N, C-alpha and C. Protein backbone atom coordinates (compact mmCIF):
# COMPACT_ATOMS: atom_id res chain seq x y z
N PHE A 1 0.84 -0.96 -0.14
CA PHE A 1 0.33 0.50 -0.09
C PHE A 1 0.53 1.30 -0.05
N GLN A 2 1.86 1.29 0.86
CA GLN A 2 2.61 2.61 0.88
C GLN A 2 3.72 2.45 -0.38
N LEU A 3 4.19 1.59 -0.88
CA LEU A 3 4.83 1.95 -1.87
C LEU A 3 4.01 1.94 -3.03
N ARG A 4 2.97 1.93 -3.29
CA ARG A 4 2.27 2.24 -4.34
C ARG A 4 1.41 3.71 -4.03
N ALA A 5 1.51 3.92 -2.91
CA ALA A 5 1.03 5.41 -2.60
C ALA A 5 1.95 6.28 -3.26
N GLU A 6 3.08 6.06 -2.80
CA GLU A 6 4.43 6.82 -2.68
C GLU A 6 4.71 7.28 -4.09
N THR A 7 4.25 6.26 -5.07
CA THR A 7 4.81 6.03 -6.51
C THR A 7 3.37 6.72 -7.57
N HIS A 8 2.98 7.29 -7.17
CA HIS A 8 1.25 7.60 -7.37
C HIS A 8 1.73 9.29 -8.15
N GLU A 9 1.20 9.75 -9.14
CA GLU A 9 1.68 10.69 -9.46
C GLU A 9 0.65 12.06 -8.51
N LEU A 10 -0.33 11.50 -8.01
CA LEU A 10 -0.75 12.60 -7.08
C LEU A 10 0.01 13.26 -6.34
N LEU A 11 0.74 12.55 -5.44
CA LEU A 11 1.29 13.06 -4.35
C LEU A 11 2.77 13.99 -4.83
N PRO A 12 3.09 14.69 -3.64
CA PRO A 12 3.62 15.80 -4.06
C PRO A 12 5.16 15.37 -4.40
N ASN A 13 5.74 16.06 -4.84
CA ASN A 13 7.58 15.65 -5.24
C ASN A 13 8.54 16.48 -4.16
N PHE A 14 8.62 15.66 -3.52
CA PHE A 14 9.30 16.52 -2.14
C PHE A 14 10.88 16.59 -2.37
N SER A 15 11.50 16.42 -3.93
CA SER A 15 13.01 16.39 -4.08
C SER A 15 12.93 18.19 -4.30
N GLU A 16 11.58 18.46 -4.79
CA GLU A 16 11.49 19.96 -5.62
C GLU A 16 10.86 20.94 -4.50
N GLU A 17 11.56 22.13 -3.91
CA GLU A 17 10.76 23.00 -3.38
C GLU A 17 9.41 23.94 -4.08
N LEU A 18 8.58 23.67 -2.88
CA LEU A 18 7.84 24.49 -3.50
C LEU A 18 8.25 26.11 -4.04
N PRO A 19 7.51 26.91 -5.25
CA PRO A 19 7.88 28.42 -5.73
C PRO A 19 7.59 29.18 -4.40
N ASN A 20 8.34 30.49 -5.14
CA ASN A 20 8.06 31.14 -3.86
C ASN A 20 6.95 32.10 -3.46
N LEU A 21 5.76 32.19 -2.51
CA LEU A 21 4.58 33.14 -2.28
C LEU A 21 5.05 34.40 -3.27
N ASP A 22 5.56 35.19 -2.61
CA ASP A 22 5.86 36.15 -3.68
C ASP A 22 5.85 36.49 -4.95
N SER A 23 6.79 35.03 -5.74
CA SER A 23 6.43 34.96 -7.03
C SER A 23 5.37 34.72 -7.40
N LEU A 24 4.62 33.98 -7.02
CA LEU A 24 3.07 33.31 -7.22
C LEU A 24 2.38 34.44 -7.42
N VAL A 25 2.11 35.27 -5.87
CA VAL A 25 1.27 36.78 -6.05
C VAL A 25 1.40 37.44 -7.24
N THR A 26 2.78 37.44 -7.59
CA THR A 26 3.19 38.35 -8.80
C THR A 26 2.60 37.53 -10.42
N GLU A 27 3.23 36.44 -10.05
CA GLU A 27 2.45 35.62 -11.31
C GLU A 27 0.83 35.62 -11.66
N ALA A 28 0.07 35.80 -10.32
CA ALA A 28 -1.40 36.04 -10.50
C ALA A 28 -1.81 37.00 -10.50
N LEU A 29 -1.18 38.53 -10.36
CA LEU A 29 -1.37 39.48 -10.83
C LEU A 29 -1.18 39.49 -11.92
N LYS A 30 -0.54 39.15 -12.59
CA LYS A 30 -0.26 39.18 -14.38
C LYS A 30 -1.02 38.18 -15.25
N THR A 31 -1.52 37.22 -14.63
CA THR A 31 -2.23 36.13 -15.61
C THR A 31 -4.16 35.80 -14.99
N ARG A 32 -4.45 36.49 -14.46
CA ARG A 32 -5.72 36.00 -13.82
C ARG A 32 -6.63 37.21 -15.01
N LEU A 33 -7.70 36.19 -15.32
CA LEU A 33 -8.28 36.79 -16.16
C LEU A 33 -9.40 38.07 -15.74
N ASP A 34 -9.62 38.18 -14.56
CA ASP A 34 -10.38 39.18 -14.16
C ASP A 34 -9.65 40.65 -13.96
N ILE A 35 -8.60 40.04 -13.84
CA ILE A 35 -7.81 41.53 -13.32
C ILE A 35 -7.36 41.90 -15.21
N LYS A 36 -7.12 40.78 -15.78
CA LYS A 36 -7.04 41.64 -17.38
C LYS A 36 -8.06 42.43 -17.86
N ALA A 37 -9.06 41.82 -17.51
CA ALA A 37 -10.62 42.14 -17.92
C ALA A 37 -10.75 43.87 -17.60
N ILE A 38 -9.94 44.13 -16.11
CA ILE A 38 -10.45 45.14 -15.90
C ILE A 38 -9.55 46.31 -15.96
N ARG A 39 -8.35 45.49 -16.41
CA ARG A 39 -7.01 46.63 -17.14
C ARG A 39 -7.65 47.10 -18.61
N GLN A 40 -8.35 46.04 -19.22
CA GLN A 40 -8.88 46.52 -20.61
C GLN A 40 -9.96 47.50 -20.83
N SER A 41 -10.59 47.30 -19.31
CA SER A 41 -11.90 48.39 -19.20
C SER A 41 -11.39 49.85 -19.32
N ILE A 42 -10.19 49.87 -18.27
CA ILE A 42 -9.92 50.93 -18.07
C ILE A 42 -8.83 51.37 -19.09
N ALA A 43 -8.47 50.49 -20.26
CA ALA A 43 -7.31 50.98 -21.60
C ALA A 43 -8.94 51.67 -22.24
N VAL A 44 -10.02 50.86 -22.52
CA VAL A 44 -11.27 51.45 -23.41
C VAL A 44 -11.62 52.95 -22.78
N ASN A 45 -11.54 53.14 -21.24
CA ASN A 45 -11.99 54.01 -20.66
C ASN A 45 -11.25 55.43 -21.28
N GLU A 46 -9.86 55.27 -21.12
CA GLU A 46 -8.97 56.26 -21.17
C GLU A 46 -9.26 56.20 -23.06
N ALA A 47 -9.69 55.58 -23.79
CA ALA A 47 -9.37 55.61 -25.14
C ALA A 47 -10.89 56.33 -25.35
N GLN A 48 -11.92 56.31 -24.71
CA GLN A 48 -13.13 56.97 -25.06
C GLN A 48 -13.14 58.85 -24.23
N SER A 49 -11.87 58.82 -23.65
CA SER A 49 -12.03 60.34 -22.82
C SER A 49 -11.22 60.58 -23.81
N ARG A 50 -10.21 60.20 -24.54
CA ARG A 50 -9.16 60.71 -25.15
C ARG A 50 -10.51 61.14 -26.59
N VAL A 51 -11.29 60.58 -27.10
CA VAL A 51 -12.42 60.98 -28.10
C VAL A 51 -13.28 61.91 -27.42
N ALA A 52 -13.78 62.21 -26.23
CA ALA A 52 -14.64 62.89 -25.91
C ALA A 52 -13.56 64.32 -26.10
N LEU A 53 -12.21 64.28 -25.66
CA LEU A 53 -11.54 65.44 -25.92
C LEU A 53 -10.87 66.20 -27.25
N GLY A 54 -11.36 65.36 -27.81
CA GLY A 54 -10.80 65.60 -29.33
C GLY A 54 -12.31 65.99 -30.08
N ASN A 55 -13.50 65.64 -29.07
CA ASN A 55 -15.07 66.20 -30.01
C ASN A 55 -14.99 67.50 -29.62
N ILE A 56 -14.02 68.01 -28.50
CA ILE A 56 -14.31 69.93 -28.39
C ILE A 56 -14.13 70.79 -28.99
N PHE A 57 -13.20 70.04 -29.87
CA PHE A 57 -12.48 71.25 -31.31
C PHE A 57 -13.42 71.28 -32.46
N PRO A 58 -13.95 72.30 -33.22
CA PRO A 58 -14.90 72.23 -34.28
C PRO A 58 -14.36 71.30 -35.43
N ASN A 59 -15.72 70.45 -35.88
CA ASN A 59 -15.79 69.48 -36.88
C ASN A 59 -16.28 70.35 -38.65
N PRO A 60 -15.72 70.94 -38.67
CA PRO A 60 -16.63 71.80 -39.83
C PRO A 60 -16.91 70.20 -41.09
N GLN A 61 -17.47 70.89 -42.11
CA GLN A 61 -17.51 69.45 -43.62
C GLN A 61 -17.67 70.98 -44.27
N LEU A 62 -16.60 70.59 -45.45
CA LEU A 62 -16.68 71.45 -46.94
C LEU A 62 -17.65 70.50 -47.56
N ASN A 63 -18.78 71.21 -48.52
CA ASN A 63 -19.08 70.96 -49.71
C ASN A 63 -19.32 71.73 -50.87
N ALA A 64 -18.48 70.90 -51.92
CA ALA A 64 -18.43 71.88 -53.26
C ALA A 64 -19.58 70.87 -54.47
N GLY A 65 -19.42 71.47 -54.81
CA GLY A 65 -20.29 70.83 -56.53
C GLY A 65 -20.28 71.68 -57.64
N SER A 66 -21.45 71.26 -58.27
CA SER A 66 -21.77 71.83 -59.94
C SER A 66 -23.28 71.57 -60.07
N SER A 67 -24.01 72.18 -60.61
CA SER A 67 -25.24 71.86 -61.49
C SER A 67 -25.28 71.91 -63.01
N TYR A 68 -26.14 71.43 -63.83
CA TYR A 68 -26.41 71.85 -65.05
C TYR A 68 -27.50 71.57 -65.52
N SER A 69 -28.25 72.33 -66.09
CA SER A 69 -29.17 72.28 -66.61
C SER A 69 -29.61 72.46 -68.03
N GLY A 70 -29.85 71.48 -68.91
CA GLY A 70 -29.57 71.82 -70.11
C GLY A 70 -30.52 72.17 -71.04
N ASN A 71 -31.57 72.40 -70.77
CA ASN A 71 -32.57 72.85 -71.86
C ASN A 71 -33.81 73.31 -70.88
N PRO A 72 -33.84 75.00 -69.94
CA PRO A 72 -34.95 75.06 -69.35
C PRO A 72 -36.16 75.74 -70.01
N PRO A 73 -37.15 75.85 -70.17
CA PRO A 73 -38.11 76.37 -71.07
C PRO A 73 -38.14 77.96 -71.17
N ASP A 74 -37.33 78.48 -69.94
CA ASP A 74 -37.29 80.08 -70.71
C ASP A 74 -35.71 80.63 -71.34
N GLY A 75 -34.98 79.80 -71.88
CA GLY A 75 -33.68 79.84 -71.94
C GLY A 75 -32.53 79.26 -71.97
N PRO A 76 -31.49 79.40 -72.40
CA PRO A 76 -29.87 78.60 -72.87
C PRO A 76 -29.93 77.95 -71.44
N ALA A 77 -28.78 76.74 -72.07
CA ALA A 77 -28.48 75.80 -70.74
C ALA A 77 -28.05 76.89 -69.59
N THR A 78 -27.97 76.29 -68.49
CA THR A 78 -27.02 76.85 -67.62
C THR A 78 -26.10 75.88 -66.56
N ARG A 79 -25.14 76.66 -66.66
CA ARG A 79 -24.24 75.83 -65.36
C ARG A 79 -24.02 76.87 -64.31
N GLY A 80 -24.02 75.91 -62.93
CA GLY A 80 -23.87 76.42 -61.64
C GLY A 80 -22.35 76.14 -60.93
N TYR A 81 -22.19 76.55 -60.34
CA TYR A 81 -21.36 75.66 -59.06
C TYR A 81 -21.70 76.19 -57.72
N PHE A 82 -21.25 75.62 -56.78
CA PHE A 82 -21.48 76.15 -55.43
C PHE A 82 -20.16 75.17 -54.38
N ILE A 83 -20.02 76.01 -53.07
CA ILE A 83 -19.18 75.98 -52.30
C ILE A 83 -20.18 76.10 -50.76
N GLY A 84 -20.16 74.97 -50.14
CA GLY A 84 -20.70 75.74 -48.86
C GLY A 84 -19.87 74.62 -47.63
N VAL A 85 -20.11 75.45 -46.55
CA VAL A 85 -19.79 74.87 -44.93
C VAL A 85 -20.60 74.49 -44.25
N THR A 86 -20.71 73.39 -43.48
CA THR A 86 -21.43 73.04 -42.53
C THR A 86 -20.75 72.87 -41.40
N GLN A 87 -21.51 73.74 -40.37
CA GLN A 87 -21.00 73.78 -38.90
C GLN A 87 -22.34 73.61 -37.74
N GLU A 88 -21.84 72.44 -36.89
CA GLU A 88 -22.56 72.20 -35.86
C GLU A 88 -22.62 73.36 -35.00
N ILE A 89 -23.70 73.94 -34.20
CA ILE A 89 -23.78 75.03 -33.39
C ILE A 89 -23.92 74.15 -32.08
N PRO A 90 -23.37 74.05 -30.80
CA PRO A 90 -22.68 75.46 -30.92
C PRO A 90 -21.16 75.33 -31.05
N VAL A 91 -20.34 75.81 -31.85
CA VAL A 91 -19.00 75.56 -32.52
C VAL A 91 -18.13 74.91 -31.23
N LEU A 92 -18.38 75.27 -29.82
CA LEU A 92 -17.12 74.60 -29.43
C LEU A 92 -18.32 74.00 -28.10
N ASN A 93 -18.50 72.59 -28.34
CA ASN A 93 -19.03 71.61 -27.06
C ASN A 93 -17.93 70.97 -26.29
N PHE A 94 -17.85 71.75 -25.33
CA PHE A 94 -17.00 70.69 -24.03
C PHE A 94 -17.13 69.74 -23.78
N GLN A 95 -17.69 68.81 -24.50
CA GLN A 95 -18.63 67.22 -23.54
C GLN A 95 -18.98 67.02 -22.42
N GLN A 96 -19.22 68.19 -21.35
CA GLN A 96 -18.72 68.06 -19.95
C GLN A 96 -19.55 66.66 -19.25
N GLY A 97 -20.90 66.45 -20.03
CA GLY A 97 -21.06 65.30 -19.57
C GLY A 97 -20.41 63.84 -19.85
N ASP A 98 -20.11 63.45 -21.13
CA ASP A 98 -19.26 62.80 -21.31
C ASP A 98 -17.93 62.35 -20.59
N ARG A 99 -17.20 63.74 -20.25
CA ARG A 99 -16.29 63.93 -19.36
C ARG A 99 -16.28 63.29 -18.00
N ALA A 100 -17.34 64.16 -17.59
CA ALA A 100 -17.71 63.74 -16.60
C ALA A 100 -18.09 62.24 -15.86
N ARG A 101 -18.83 61.65 -16.53
CA ARG A 101 -18.90 60.29 -16.75
C ARG A 101 -17.65 59.16 -16.69
N LEU A 102 -17.13 59.62 -17.80
CA LEU A 102 -15.71 59.02 -18.08
C LEU A 102 -14.98 58.80 -16.81
N ARG A 103 -14.84 60.47 -16.00
CA ARG A 103 -13.74 60.63 -15.38
C ARG A 103 -14.32 59.56 -13.74
N ALA A 104 -15.65 59.54 -13.53
CA ALA A 104 -16.14 58.71 -12.74
C ALA A 104 -15.87 57.05 -12.76
N VAL A 105 -16.17 56.49 -14.65
CA VAL A 105 -15.96 55.44 -14.54
C VAL A 105 -14.55 55.13 -14.30
N LYS A 106 -13.53 55.55 -14.77
CA LYS A 106 -12.33 55.61 -14.42
C LYS A 106 -11.66 55.45 -12.62
N ILE A 107 -12.39 56.47 -11.76
CA ILE A 107 -12.09 56.33 -10.45
C ILE A 107 -12.99 54.57 -10.11
N GLN A 108 -13.93 54.60 -10.53
CA GLN A 108 -15.01 52.92 -10.30
C GLN A 108 -13.64 51.99 -10.68
N LEU A 109 -13.16 52.29 -11.72
CA LEU A 109 -12.56 50.64 -12.29
C LEU A 109 -11.06 50.30 -11.61
N ASN A 110 -10.67 51.92 -11.47
CA ASN A 110 -9.52 52.12 -10.58
C ASN A 110 -9.48 51.23 -9.21
N ARG A 111 -10.85 51.52 -8.62
CA ARG A 111 -11.07 50.83 -7.40
C ARG A 111 -11.19 49.61 -7.57
N GLU A 112 -12.08 49.30 -8.49
CA GLU A 112 -12.42 47.67 -8.79
C GLU A 112 -11.55 46.85 -9.39
N LEU A 113 -10.27 47.67 -9.67
CA LEU A 113 -8.95 46.85 -9.72
C LEU A 113 -8.14 46.56 -8.64
N GLU A 114 -8.07 47.68 -7.78
CA GLU A 114 -7.20 47.03 -6.61
C GLU A 114 -8.12 46.68 -5.41
N SER A 115 -9.50 46.69 -5.44
CA SER A 115 -10.02 45.50 -4.81
C SER A 115 -9.53 44.38 -5.48
N THR A 116 -10.08 44.12 -6.98
CA THR A 116 -9.60 42.72 -7.03
C THR A 116 -8.35 42.04 -6.72
N LYS A 117 -7.40 43.24 -7.26
CA LYS A 117 -6.04 42.23 -6.89
C LYS A 117 -5.39 42.01 -5.10
N ASN A 118 -6.06 42.62 -4.22
CA ASN A 118 -6.71 42.26 -2.79
C ASN A 118 -7.22 40.95 -2.99
N VAL A 119 -8.08 40.59 -3.44
CA VAL A 119 -9.02 39.27 -3.31
C VAL A 119 -8.14 38.30 -4.14
N VAL A 120 -7.46 39.00 -5.26
CA VAL A 120 -6.58 37.56 -5.94
C VAL A 120 -5.42 37.33 -4.94
N THR A 121 -4.67 38.15 -4.31
CA THR A 121 -3.71 37.80 -3.28
C THR A 121 -4.14 37.23 -1.86
N GLU A 122 -5.21 37.49 -1.51
CA GLU A 122 -5.83 36.65 -0.48
C GLU A 122 -5.83 35.25 -0.96
N GLU A 123 -6.72 35.30 -2.21
CA GLU A 123 -6.61 33.94 -2.62
C GLU A 123 -5.27 33.24 -2.35
N VAL A 124 -4.39 33.49 -3.17
CA VAL A 124 -3.32 32.80 -3.47
C VAL A 124 -2.43 32.60 -2.50
N VAL A 125 -2.59 33.74 -1.02
CA VAL A 125 -1.79 33.21 0.21
C VAL A 125 -2.51 31.87 0.82
N SER A 126 -3.87 32.13 0.85
CA SER A 126 -4.68 31.48 1.68
C SER A 126 -4.35 29.76 0.68
N SER A 127 -4.61 29.78 -0.54
CA SER A 127 -4.35 28.25 -0.91
C SER A 127 -3.15 27.92 -1.00
N TYR A 128 -1.98 28.80 -0.84
CA TYR A 128 -0.39 28.49 -0.60
C TYR A 128 -0.44 27.86 1.04
N GLN A 129 -0.72 28.12 1.97
CA GLN A 129 -0.27 28.18 3.18
C GLN A 129 -1.60 26.65 3.21
N GLN A 130 -2.86 26.52 2.69
CA GLN A 130 -3.22 25.34 2.53
C GLN A 130 -2.37 24.05 1.99
N LEU A 131 -1.66 24.42 0.78
CA LEU A 131 -0.96 23.65 0.43
C LEU A 131 0.16 23.14 1.22
N VAL A 132 1.38 23.74 1.56
CA VAL A 132 2.04 24.05 1.94
C VAL A 132 2.07 23.03 3.73
N ALA A 133 0.60 23.36 4.03
CA ALA A 133 -0.07 22.71 5.11
C ALA A 133 -0.03 21.21 4.80
N ALA A 134 -0.84 20.64 3.43
CA ALA A 134 -1.03 19.20 3.21
C ALA A 134 0.18 18.51 2.70
N ARG A 135 1.09 19.64 2.22
CA ARG A 135 2.15 18.69 2.02
C ARG A 135 3.12 18.44 3.12
N GLU A 136 3.09 18.96 4.02
CA GLU A 136 3.82 18.72 5.37
C GLU A 136 3.03 17.73 5.84
N ARG A 137 1.42 17.49 5.80
CA ARG A 137 0.98 16.03 6.45
C ARG A 137 1.12 14.76 5.82
N VAL A 138 1.31 14.93 4.25
CA VAL A 138 1.57 14.21 3.59
C VAL A 138 2.86 13.61 3.63
N GLY A 139 3.81 14.40 3.39
CA GLY A 139 5.52 13.51 4.22
C GLY A 139 5.28 13.26 5.52
N LEU A 140 5.07 13.76 6.46
CA LEU A 140 4.71 13.39 8.25
C LEU A 140 4.02 11.86 7.99
N PHE A 141 2.94 11.66 6.95
CA PHE A 141 2.35 10.50 7.22
C PHE A 141 3.65 9.25 6.38
N GLN A 142 4.19 9.94 5.57
CA GLN A 142 4.78 8.82 4.61
C GLN A 142 6.30 8.55 5.94
N GLU A 143 6.93 9.33 6.21
CA GLU A 143 8.12 9.15 6.99
C GLU A 143 7.86 8.42 8.30
N LYS A 144 6.54 8.43 9.39
CA LYS A 144 6.77 8.72 10.39
C LYS A 144 5.38 7.38 10.56
N ILE A 145 4.49 8.16 10.40
CA ILE A 145 3.03 7.52 10.38
C ILE A 145 2.77 6.23 10.01
N LEU A 146 2.44 6.34 8.51
CA LEU A 146 2.49 5.29 8.08
C LEU A 146 3.54 3.72 8.84
N PRO A 147 4.79 4.09 8.31
CA PRO A 147 5.85 2.84 9.05
C PRO A 147 5.40 2.20 10.53
N ALA A 148 5.25 3.58 11.04
CA ALA A 148 4.90 2.91 12.51
C ALA A 148 3.37 1.94 12.73
N SER A 149 2.64 2.68 12.19
CA SER A 149 1.22 1.81 12.01
C SER A 149 1.34 0.76 11.12
N GLU A 150 1.84 0.43 10.15
CA GLU A 150 2.44 -0.90 9.46
C GLU A 150 3.06 -1.62 10.69
N ASN A 151 4.14 -1.24 11.25
CA ASN A 151 5.05 -2.20 12.57
C ASN A 151 4.33 -2.35 13.37
N VAL A 152 3.27 -1.58 13.96
CA VAL A 152 2.51 -2.27 15.15
C VAL A 152 1.56 -2.69 14.59
N ALA A 153 0.64 -2.84 13.58
CA ALA A 153 -0.08 -3.88 13.02
C ALA A 153 0.83 -5.66 12.56
N ARG A 154 2.17 -5.33 12.47
CA ARG A 154 2.48 -6.52 12.25
C ARG A 154 3.16 -6.84 13.45
N MET A 155 3.62 -6.73 14.09
CA MET A 155 3.81 -6.89 16.08
C MET A 155 2.32 -7.53 16.30
N ALA A 156 1.36 -7.19 16.54
CA ALA A 156 0.21 -7.62 16.66
C ALA A 156 0.15 -9.11 16.09
N ARG A 157 0.11 -8.83 15.07
CA ARG A 157 -0.17 -9.85 14.28
C ARG A 157 0.88 -11.05 14.41
N ARG A 158 2.22 -10.97 14.87
CA ARG A 158 2.92 -11.74 14.91
C ARG A 158 2.66 -12.25 16.37
N GLY A 159 2.32 -11.16 17.14
CA GLY A 159 2.03 -12.10 18.97
C GLY A 159 0.51 -12.89 18.93
N TYR A 160 0.12 -12.67 17.89
CA TYR A 160 -1.27 -13.24 17.82
C TYR A 160 -0.31 -15.07 17.26
N GLU A 161 0.19 -14.89 16.38
CA GLU A 161 0.32 -16.10 16.12
C GLU A 161 1.41 -16.67 16.88
N VAL A 162 2.11 -16.28 17.85
CA VAL A 162 2.91 -17.10 18.66
C VAL A 162 1.70 -17.51 19.92
N GLY A 163 0.86 -16.80 20.06
CA GLY A 163 0.19 -16.92 21.45
C GLY A 163 0.46 -16.33 22.69
N GLN A 164 0.82 -15.12 21.95
CA GLN A 164 0.98 -14.07 23.22
C GLN A 164 0.03 -12.52 22.99
N SER A 165 -0.65 -12.65 22.41
CA SER A 165 -2.41 -12.04 22.37
C SER A 165 -3.32 -12.33 21.66
N ASP A 166 -4.42 -11.93 22.07
CA ASP A 166 -5.80 -12.50 21.79
C ASP A 166 -6.24 -12.00 20.19
N ILE A 167 -6.81 -12.04 20.04
CA ILE A 167 -7.81 -11.89 18.85
C ILE A 167 -8.35 -10.62 18.79
N THR A 168 -8.88 -10.17 19.72
CA THR A 168 -9.33 -8.77 19.72
C THR A 168 -8.51 -7.49 19.93
N SER A 169 -7.26 -7.87 20.54
CA SER A 169 -6.05 -6.80 20.45
C SER A 169 -5.65 -6.68 19.01
N THR A 170 -5.27 -8.15 18.52
CA THR A 170 -4.66 -8.23 17.55
C THR A 170 -5.79 -7.34 15.92
N LEU A 171 -7.16 -7.42 15.83
CA LEU A 171 -8.00 -6.75 15.15
C LEU A 171 -8.13 -5.70 15.73
N ALA A 172 -7.97 -5.24 16.56
CA ALA A 172 -8.09 -3.54 17.11
C ALA A 172 -7.12 -2.92 16.59
N ALA A 173 -5.67 -3.27 16.17
CA ALA A 173 -4.21 -3.06 15.87
C ALA A 173 -4.46 -2.83 14.16
N GLN A 174 -5.22 -4.17 13.40
CA GLN A 174 -5.31 -4.19 12.21
C GLN A 174 -6.27 -3.01 11.39
N GLN A 175 -7.62 -2.63 12.44
CA GLN A 175 -7.99 -1.73 12.33
C GLN A 175 -7.80 -0.53 12.32
N SER A 176 -6.62 -0.44 13.51
CA SER A 176 -6.06 1.07 13.34
C SER A 176 -5.47 1.18 12.43
N ASN A 177 -4.57 0.51 11.76
CA ASN A 177 -4.14 0.23 11.04
C ASN A 177 -4.53 0.63 9.06
N VAL A 178 -5.68 0.11 9.15
CA VAL A 178 -6.45 0.57 8.14
C VAL A 178 -7.27 2.08 8.25
N GLN A 179 -8.04 2.29 9.59
CA GLN A 179 -7.78 3.57 9.45
C GLN A 179 -6.73 4.69 9.34
N THR A 180 -5.72 4.56 9.66
CA THR A 180 -4.33 5.29 9.67
C THR A 180 -4.00 5.18 8.04
N LYS A 181 -4.09 4.33 7.25
CA LYS A 181 -4.49 4.48 5.56
C LYS A 181 -5.50 5.50 4.72
N ALA A 182 -6.47 5.09 5.76
CA ALA A 182 -7.76 6.02 5.28
C ALA A 182 -7.45 7.53 5.34
N ALA A 183 -6.67 7.60 6.86
CA ALA A 183 -6.32 9.32 6.95
C ALA A 183 -5.33 9.23 5.91
N TYR A 184 -4.48 8.76 5.58
CA TYR A 184 -3.42 9.57 4.64
C TYR A 184 -4.18 9.42 3.40
N LEU A 185 -4.79 8.95 2.45
CA LEU A 185 -5.53 8.99 1.43
C LEU A 185 -6.06 10.24 1.31
N GLU A 186 -6.72 10.31 2.44
CA GLU A 186 -7.58 11.88 2.65
C GLU A 186 -6.56 13.12 2.90
N ALA A 187 -5.35 12.74 3.63
CA ALA A 187 -4.37 13.86 3.32
C ALA A 187 -4.09 14.00 1.84
N VAL A 188 -3.84 12.74 1.39
CA VAL A 188 -3.55 13.09 -0.42
C VAL A 188 -4.55 13.88 -0.95
N ARG A 189 -5.79 13.80 -1.03
CA ARG A 189 -6.85 14.01 -0.92
C ARG A 189 -6.69 16.23 -1.08
N SER A 190 -6.49 15.85 0.40
CA SER A 190 -6.56 17.81 1.19
C SER A 190 -5.58 18.37 -0.06
N TYR A 191 -4.39 17.19 -0.06
CA TYR A 191 -3.24 18.19 -0.89
C TYR A 191 -3.25 18.06 -2.24
N GLN A 192 -4.22 17.36 -3.14
CA GLN A 192 -4.82 17.53 -4.15
C GLN A 192 -5.70 18.81 -4.56
N GLN A 193 -6.83 19.11 -3.62
CA GLN A 193 -7.34 20.33 -3.27
C GLN A 193 -6.70 21.39 -3.00
N ALA A 194 -5.97 21.23 -2.21
CA ALA A 194 -5.09 22.77 -2.11
C ALA A 194 -4.31 22.99 -3.58
N LEU A 195 -3.65 22.04 -4.10
CA LEU A 195 -2.92 22.26 -5.19
C LEU A 195 -3.88 22.88 -6.61
N THR A 196 -5.21 22.32 -6.19
CA THR A 196 -5.99 22.92 -7.27
C THR A 196 -6.62 24.63 -7.05
N ASP A 197 -7.02 24.50 -5.67
CA ASP A 197 -7.13 25.92 -5.54
C ASP A 197 -5.63 26.67 -5.90
N LEU A 198 -4.73 26.90 -5.40
CA LEU A 198 -3.45 27.21 -5.86
C LEU A 198 -3.94 27.48 -7.55
N GLU A 199 -3.65 26.49 -8.15
CA GLU A 199 -3.88 26.68 -9.68
C GLU A 199 -4.70 27.51 -9.96
N GLN A 200 -6.38 27.64 -9.56
CA GLN A 200 -7.29 28.34 -9.68
C GLN A 200 -7.35 29.68 -9.37
N ALA A 201 -6.05 29.87 -8.10
CA ALA A 201 -5.71 31.53 -7.75
C ALA A 201 -4.87 32.12 -8.87
N ILE A 202 -3.96 31.41 -9.27
CA ILE A 202 -2.93 31.91 -9.82
C ILE A 202 -3.38 32.55 -11.28
N GLY A 203 -4.11 31.28 -12.05
CA GLY A 203 -4.98 31.22 -12.76
C GLY A 203 -4.39 30.48 -13.80
N HIS A 204 -3.30 29.50 -13.75
CA HIS A 204 -2.92 28.59 -14.58
C HIS A 204 -2.29 27.68 -13.63
N PRO A 205 -1.74 26.27 -14.58
CA PRO A 205 -1.29 25.01 -14.12
C PRO A 205 0.06 25.25 -13.25
N LEU A 206 0.43 24.84 -12.68
CA LEU A 206 1.75 25.00 -11.97
C LEU A 206 2.53 23.61 -12.20
């Protein structure tokens, strides 16, 4: 049982150190999709602000053309030319409403970005601490608890075989060994869950 569990791919590789927490937080702040979405919204808001500023200046339209009448009823053919300028009134529209709205949206997005960064940092730190604790539990089971439990069960079985202990104590030792193995599997499950939570907090697999 112990040999199969220790060589299973779901278990931590104790020959490799866990990544540094600060580097994981930095990576999460770069790769999380929710943070990227807010940053894109900020970029769109800045572009809209530049458009609003550009719309303050006049944007006149120049029209030019010609007209021709081939055979009017009371005279010869006529030809004419025209030039026109179209300008929206008022000439200078300062876009007060749009600029105020965009400034408010910018403040809101910046606060949302900082709030999301705090949430992401908390998720990474919490899941990292859970992963470290689960990894230590799995290591403790492999190094001490499982060998000790197996040794106790083997000694109880040997004592029963030579007549030094009764069947009740032997079965109790065997049951305790089974429960220890079940607890070890639960520790492995907790480790995998903590690893999954950390990967979700970062935004990509480790």
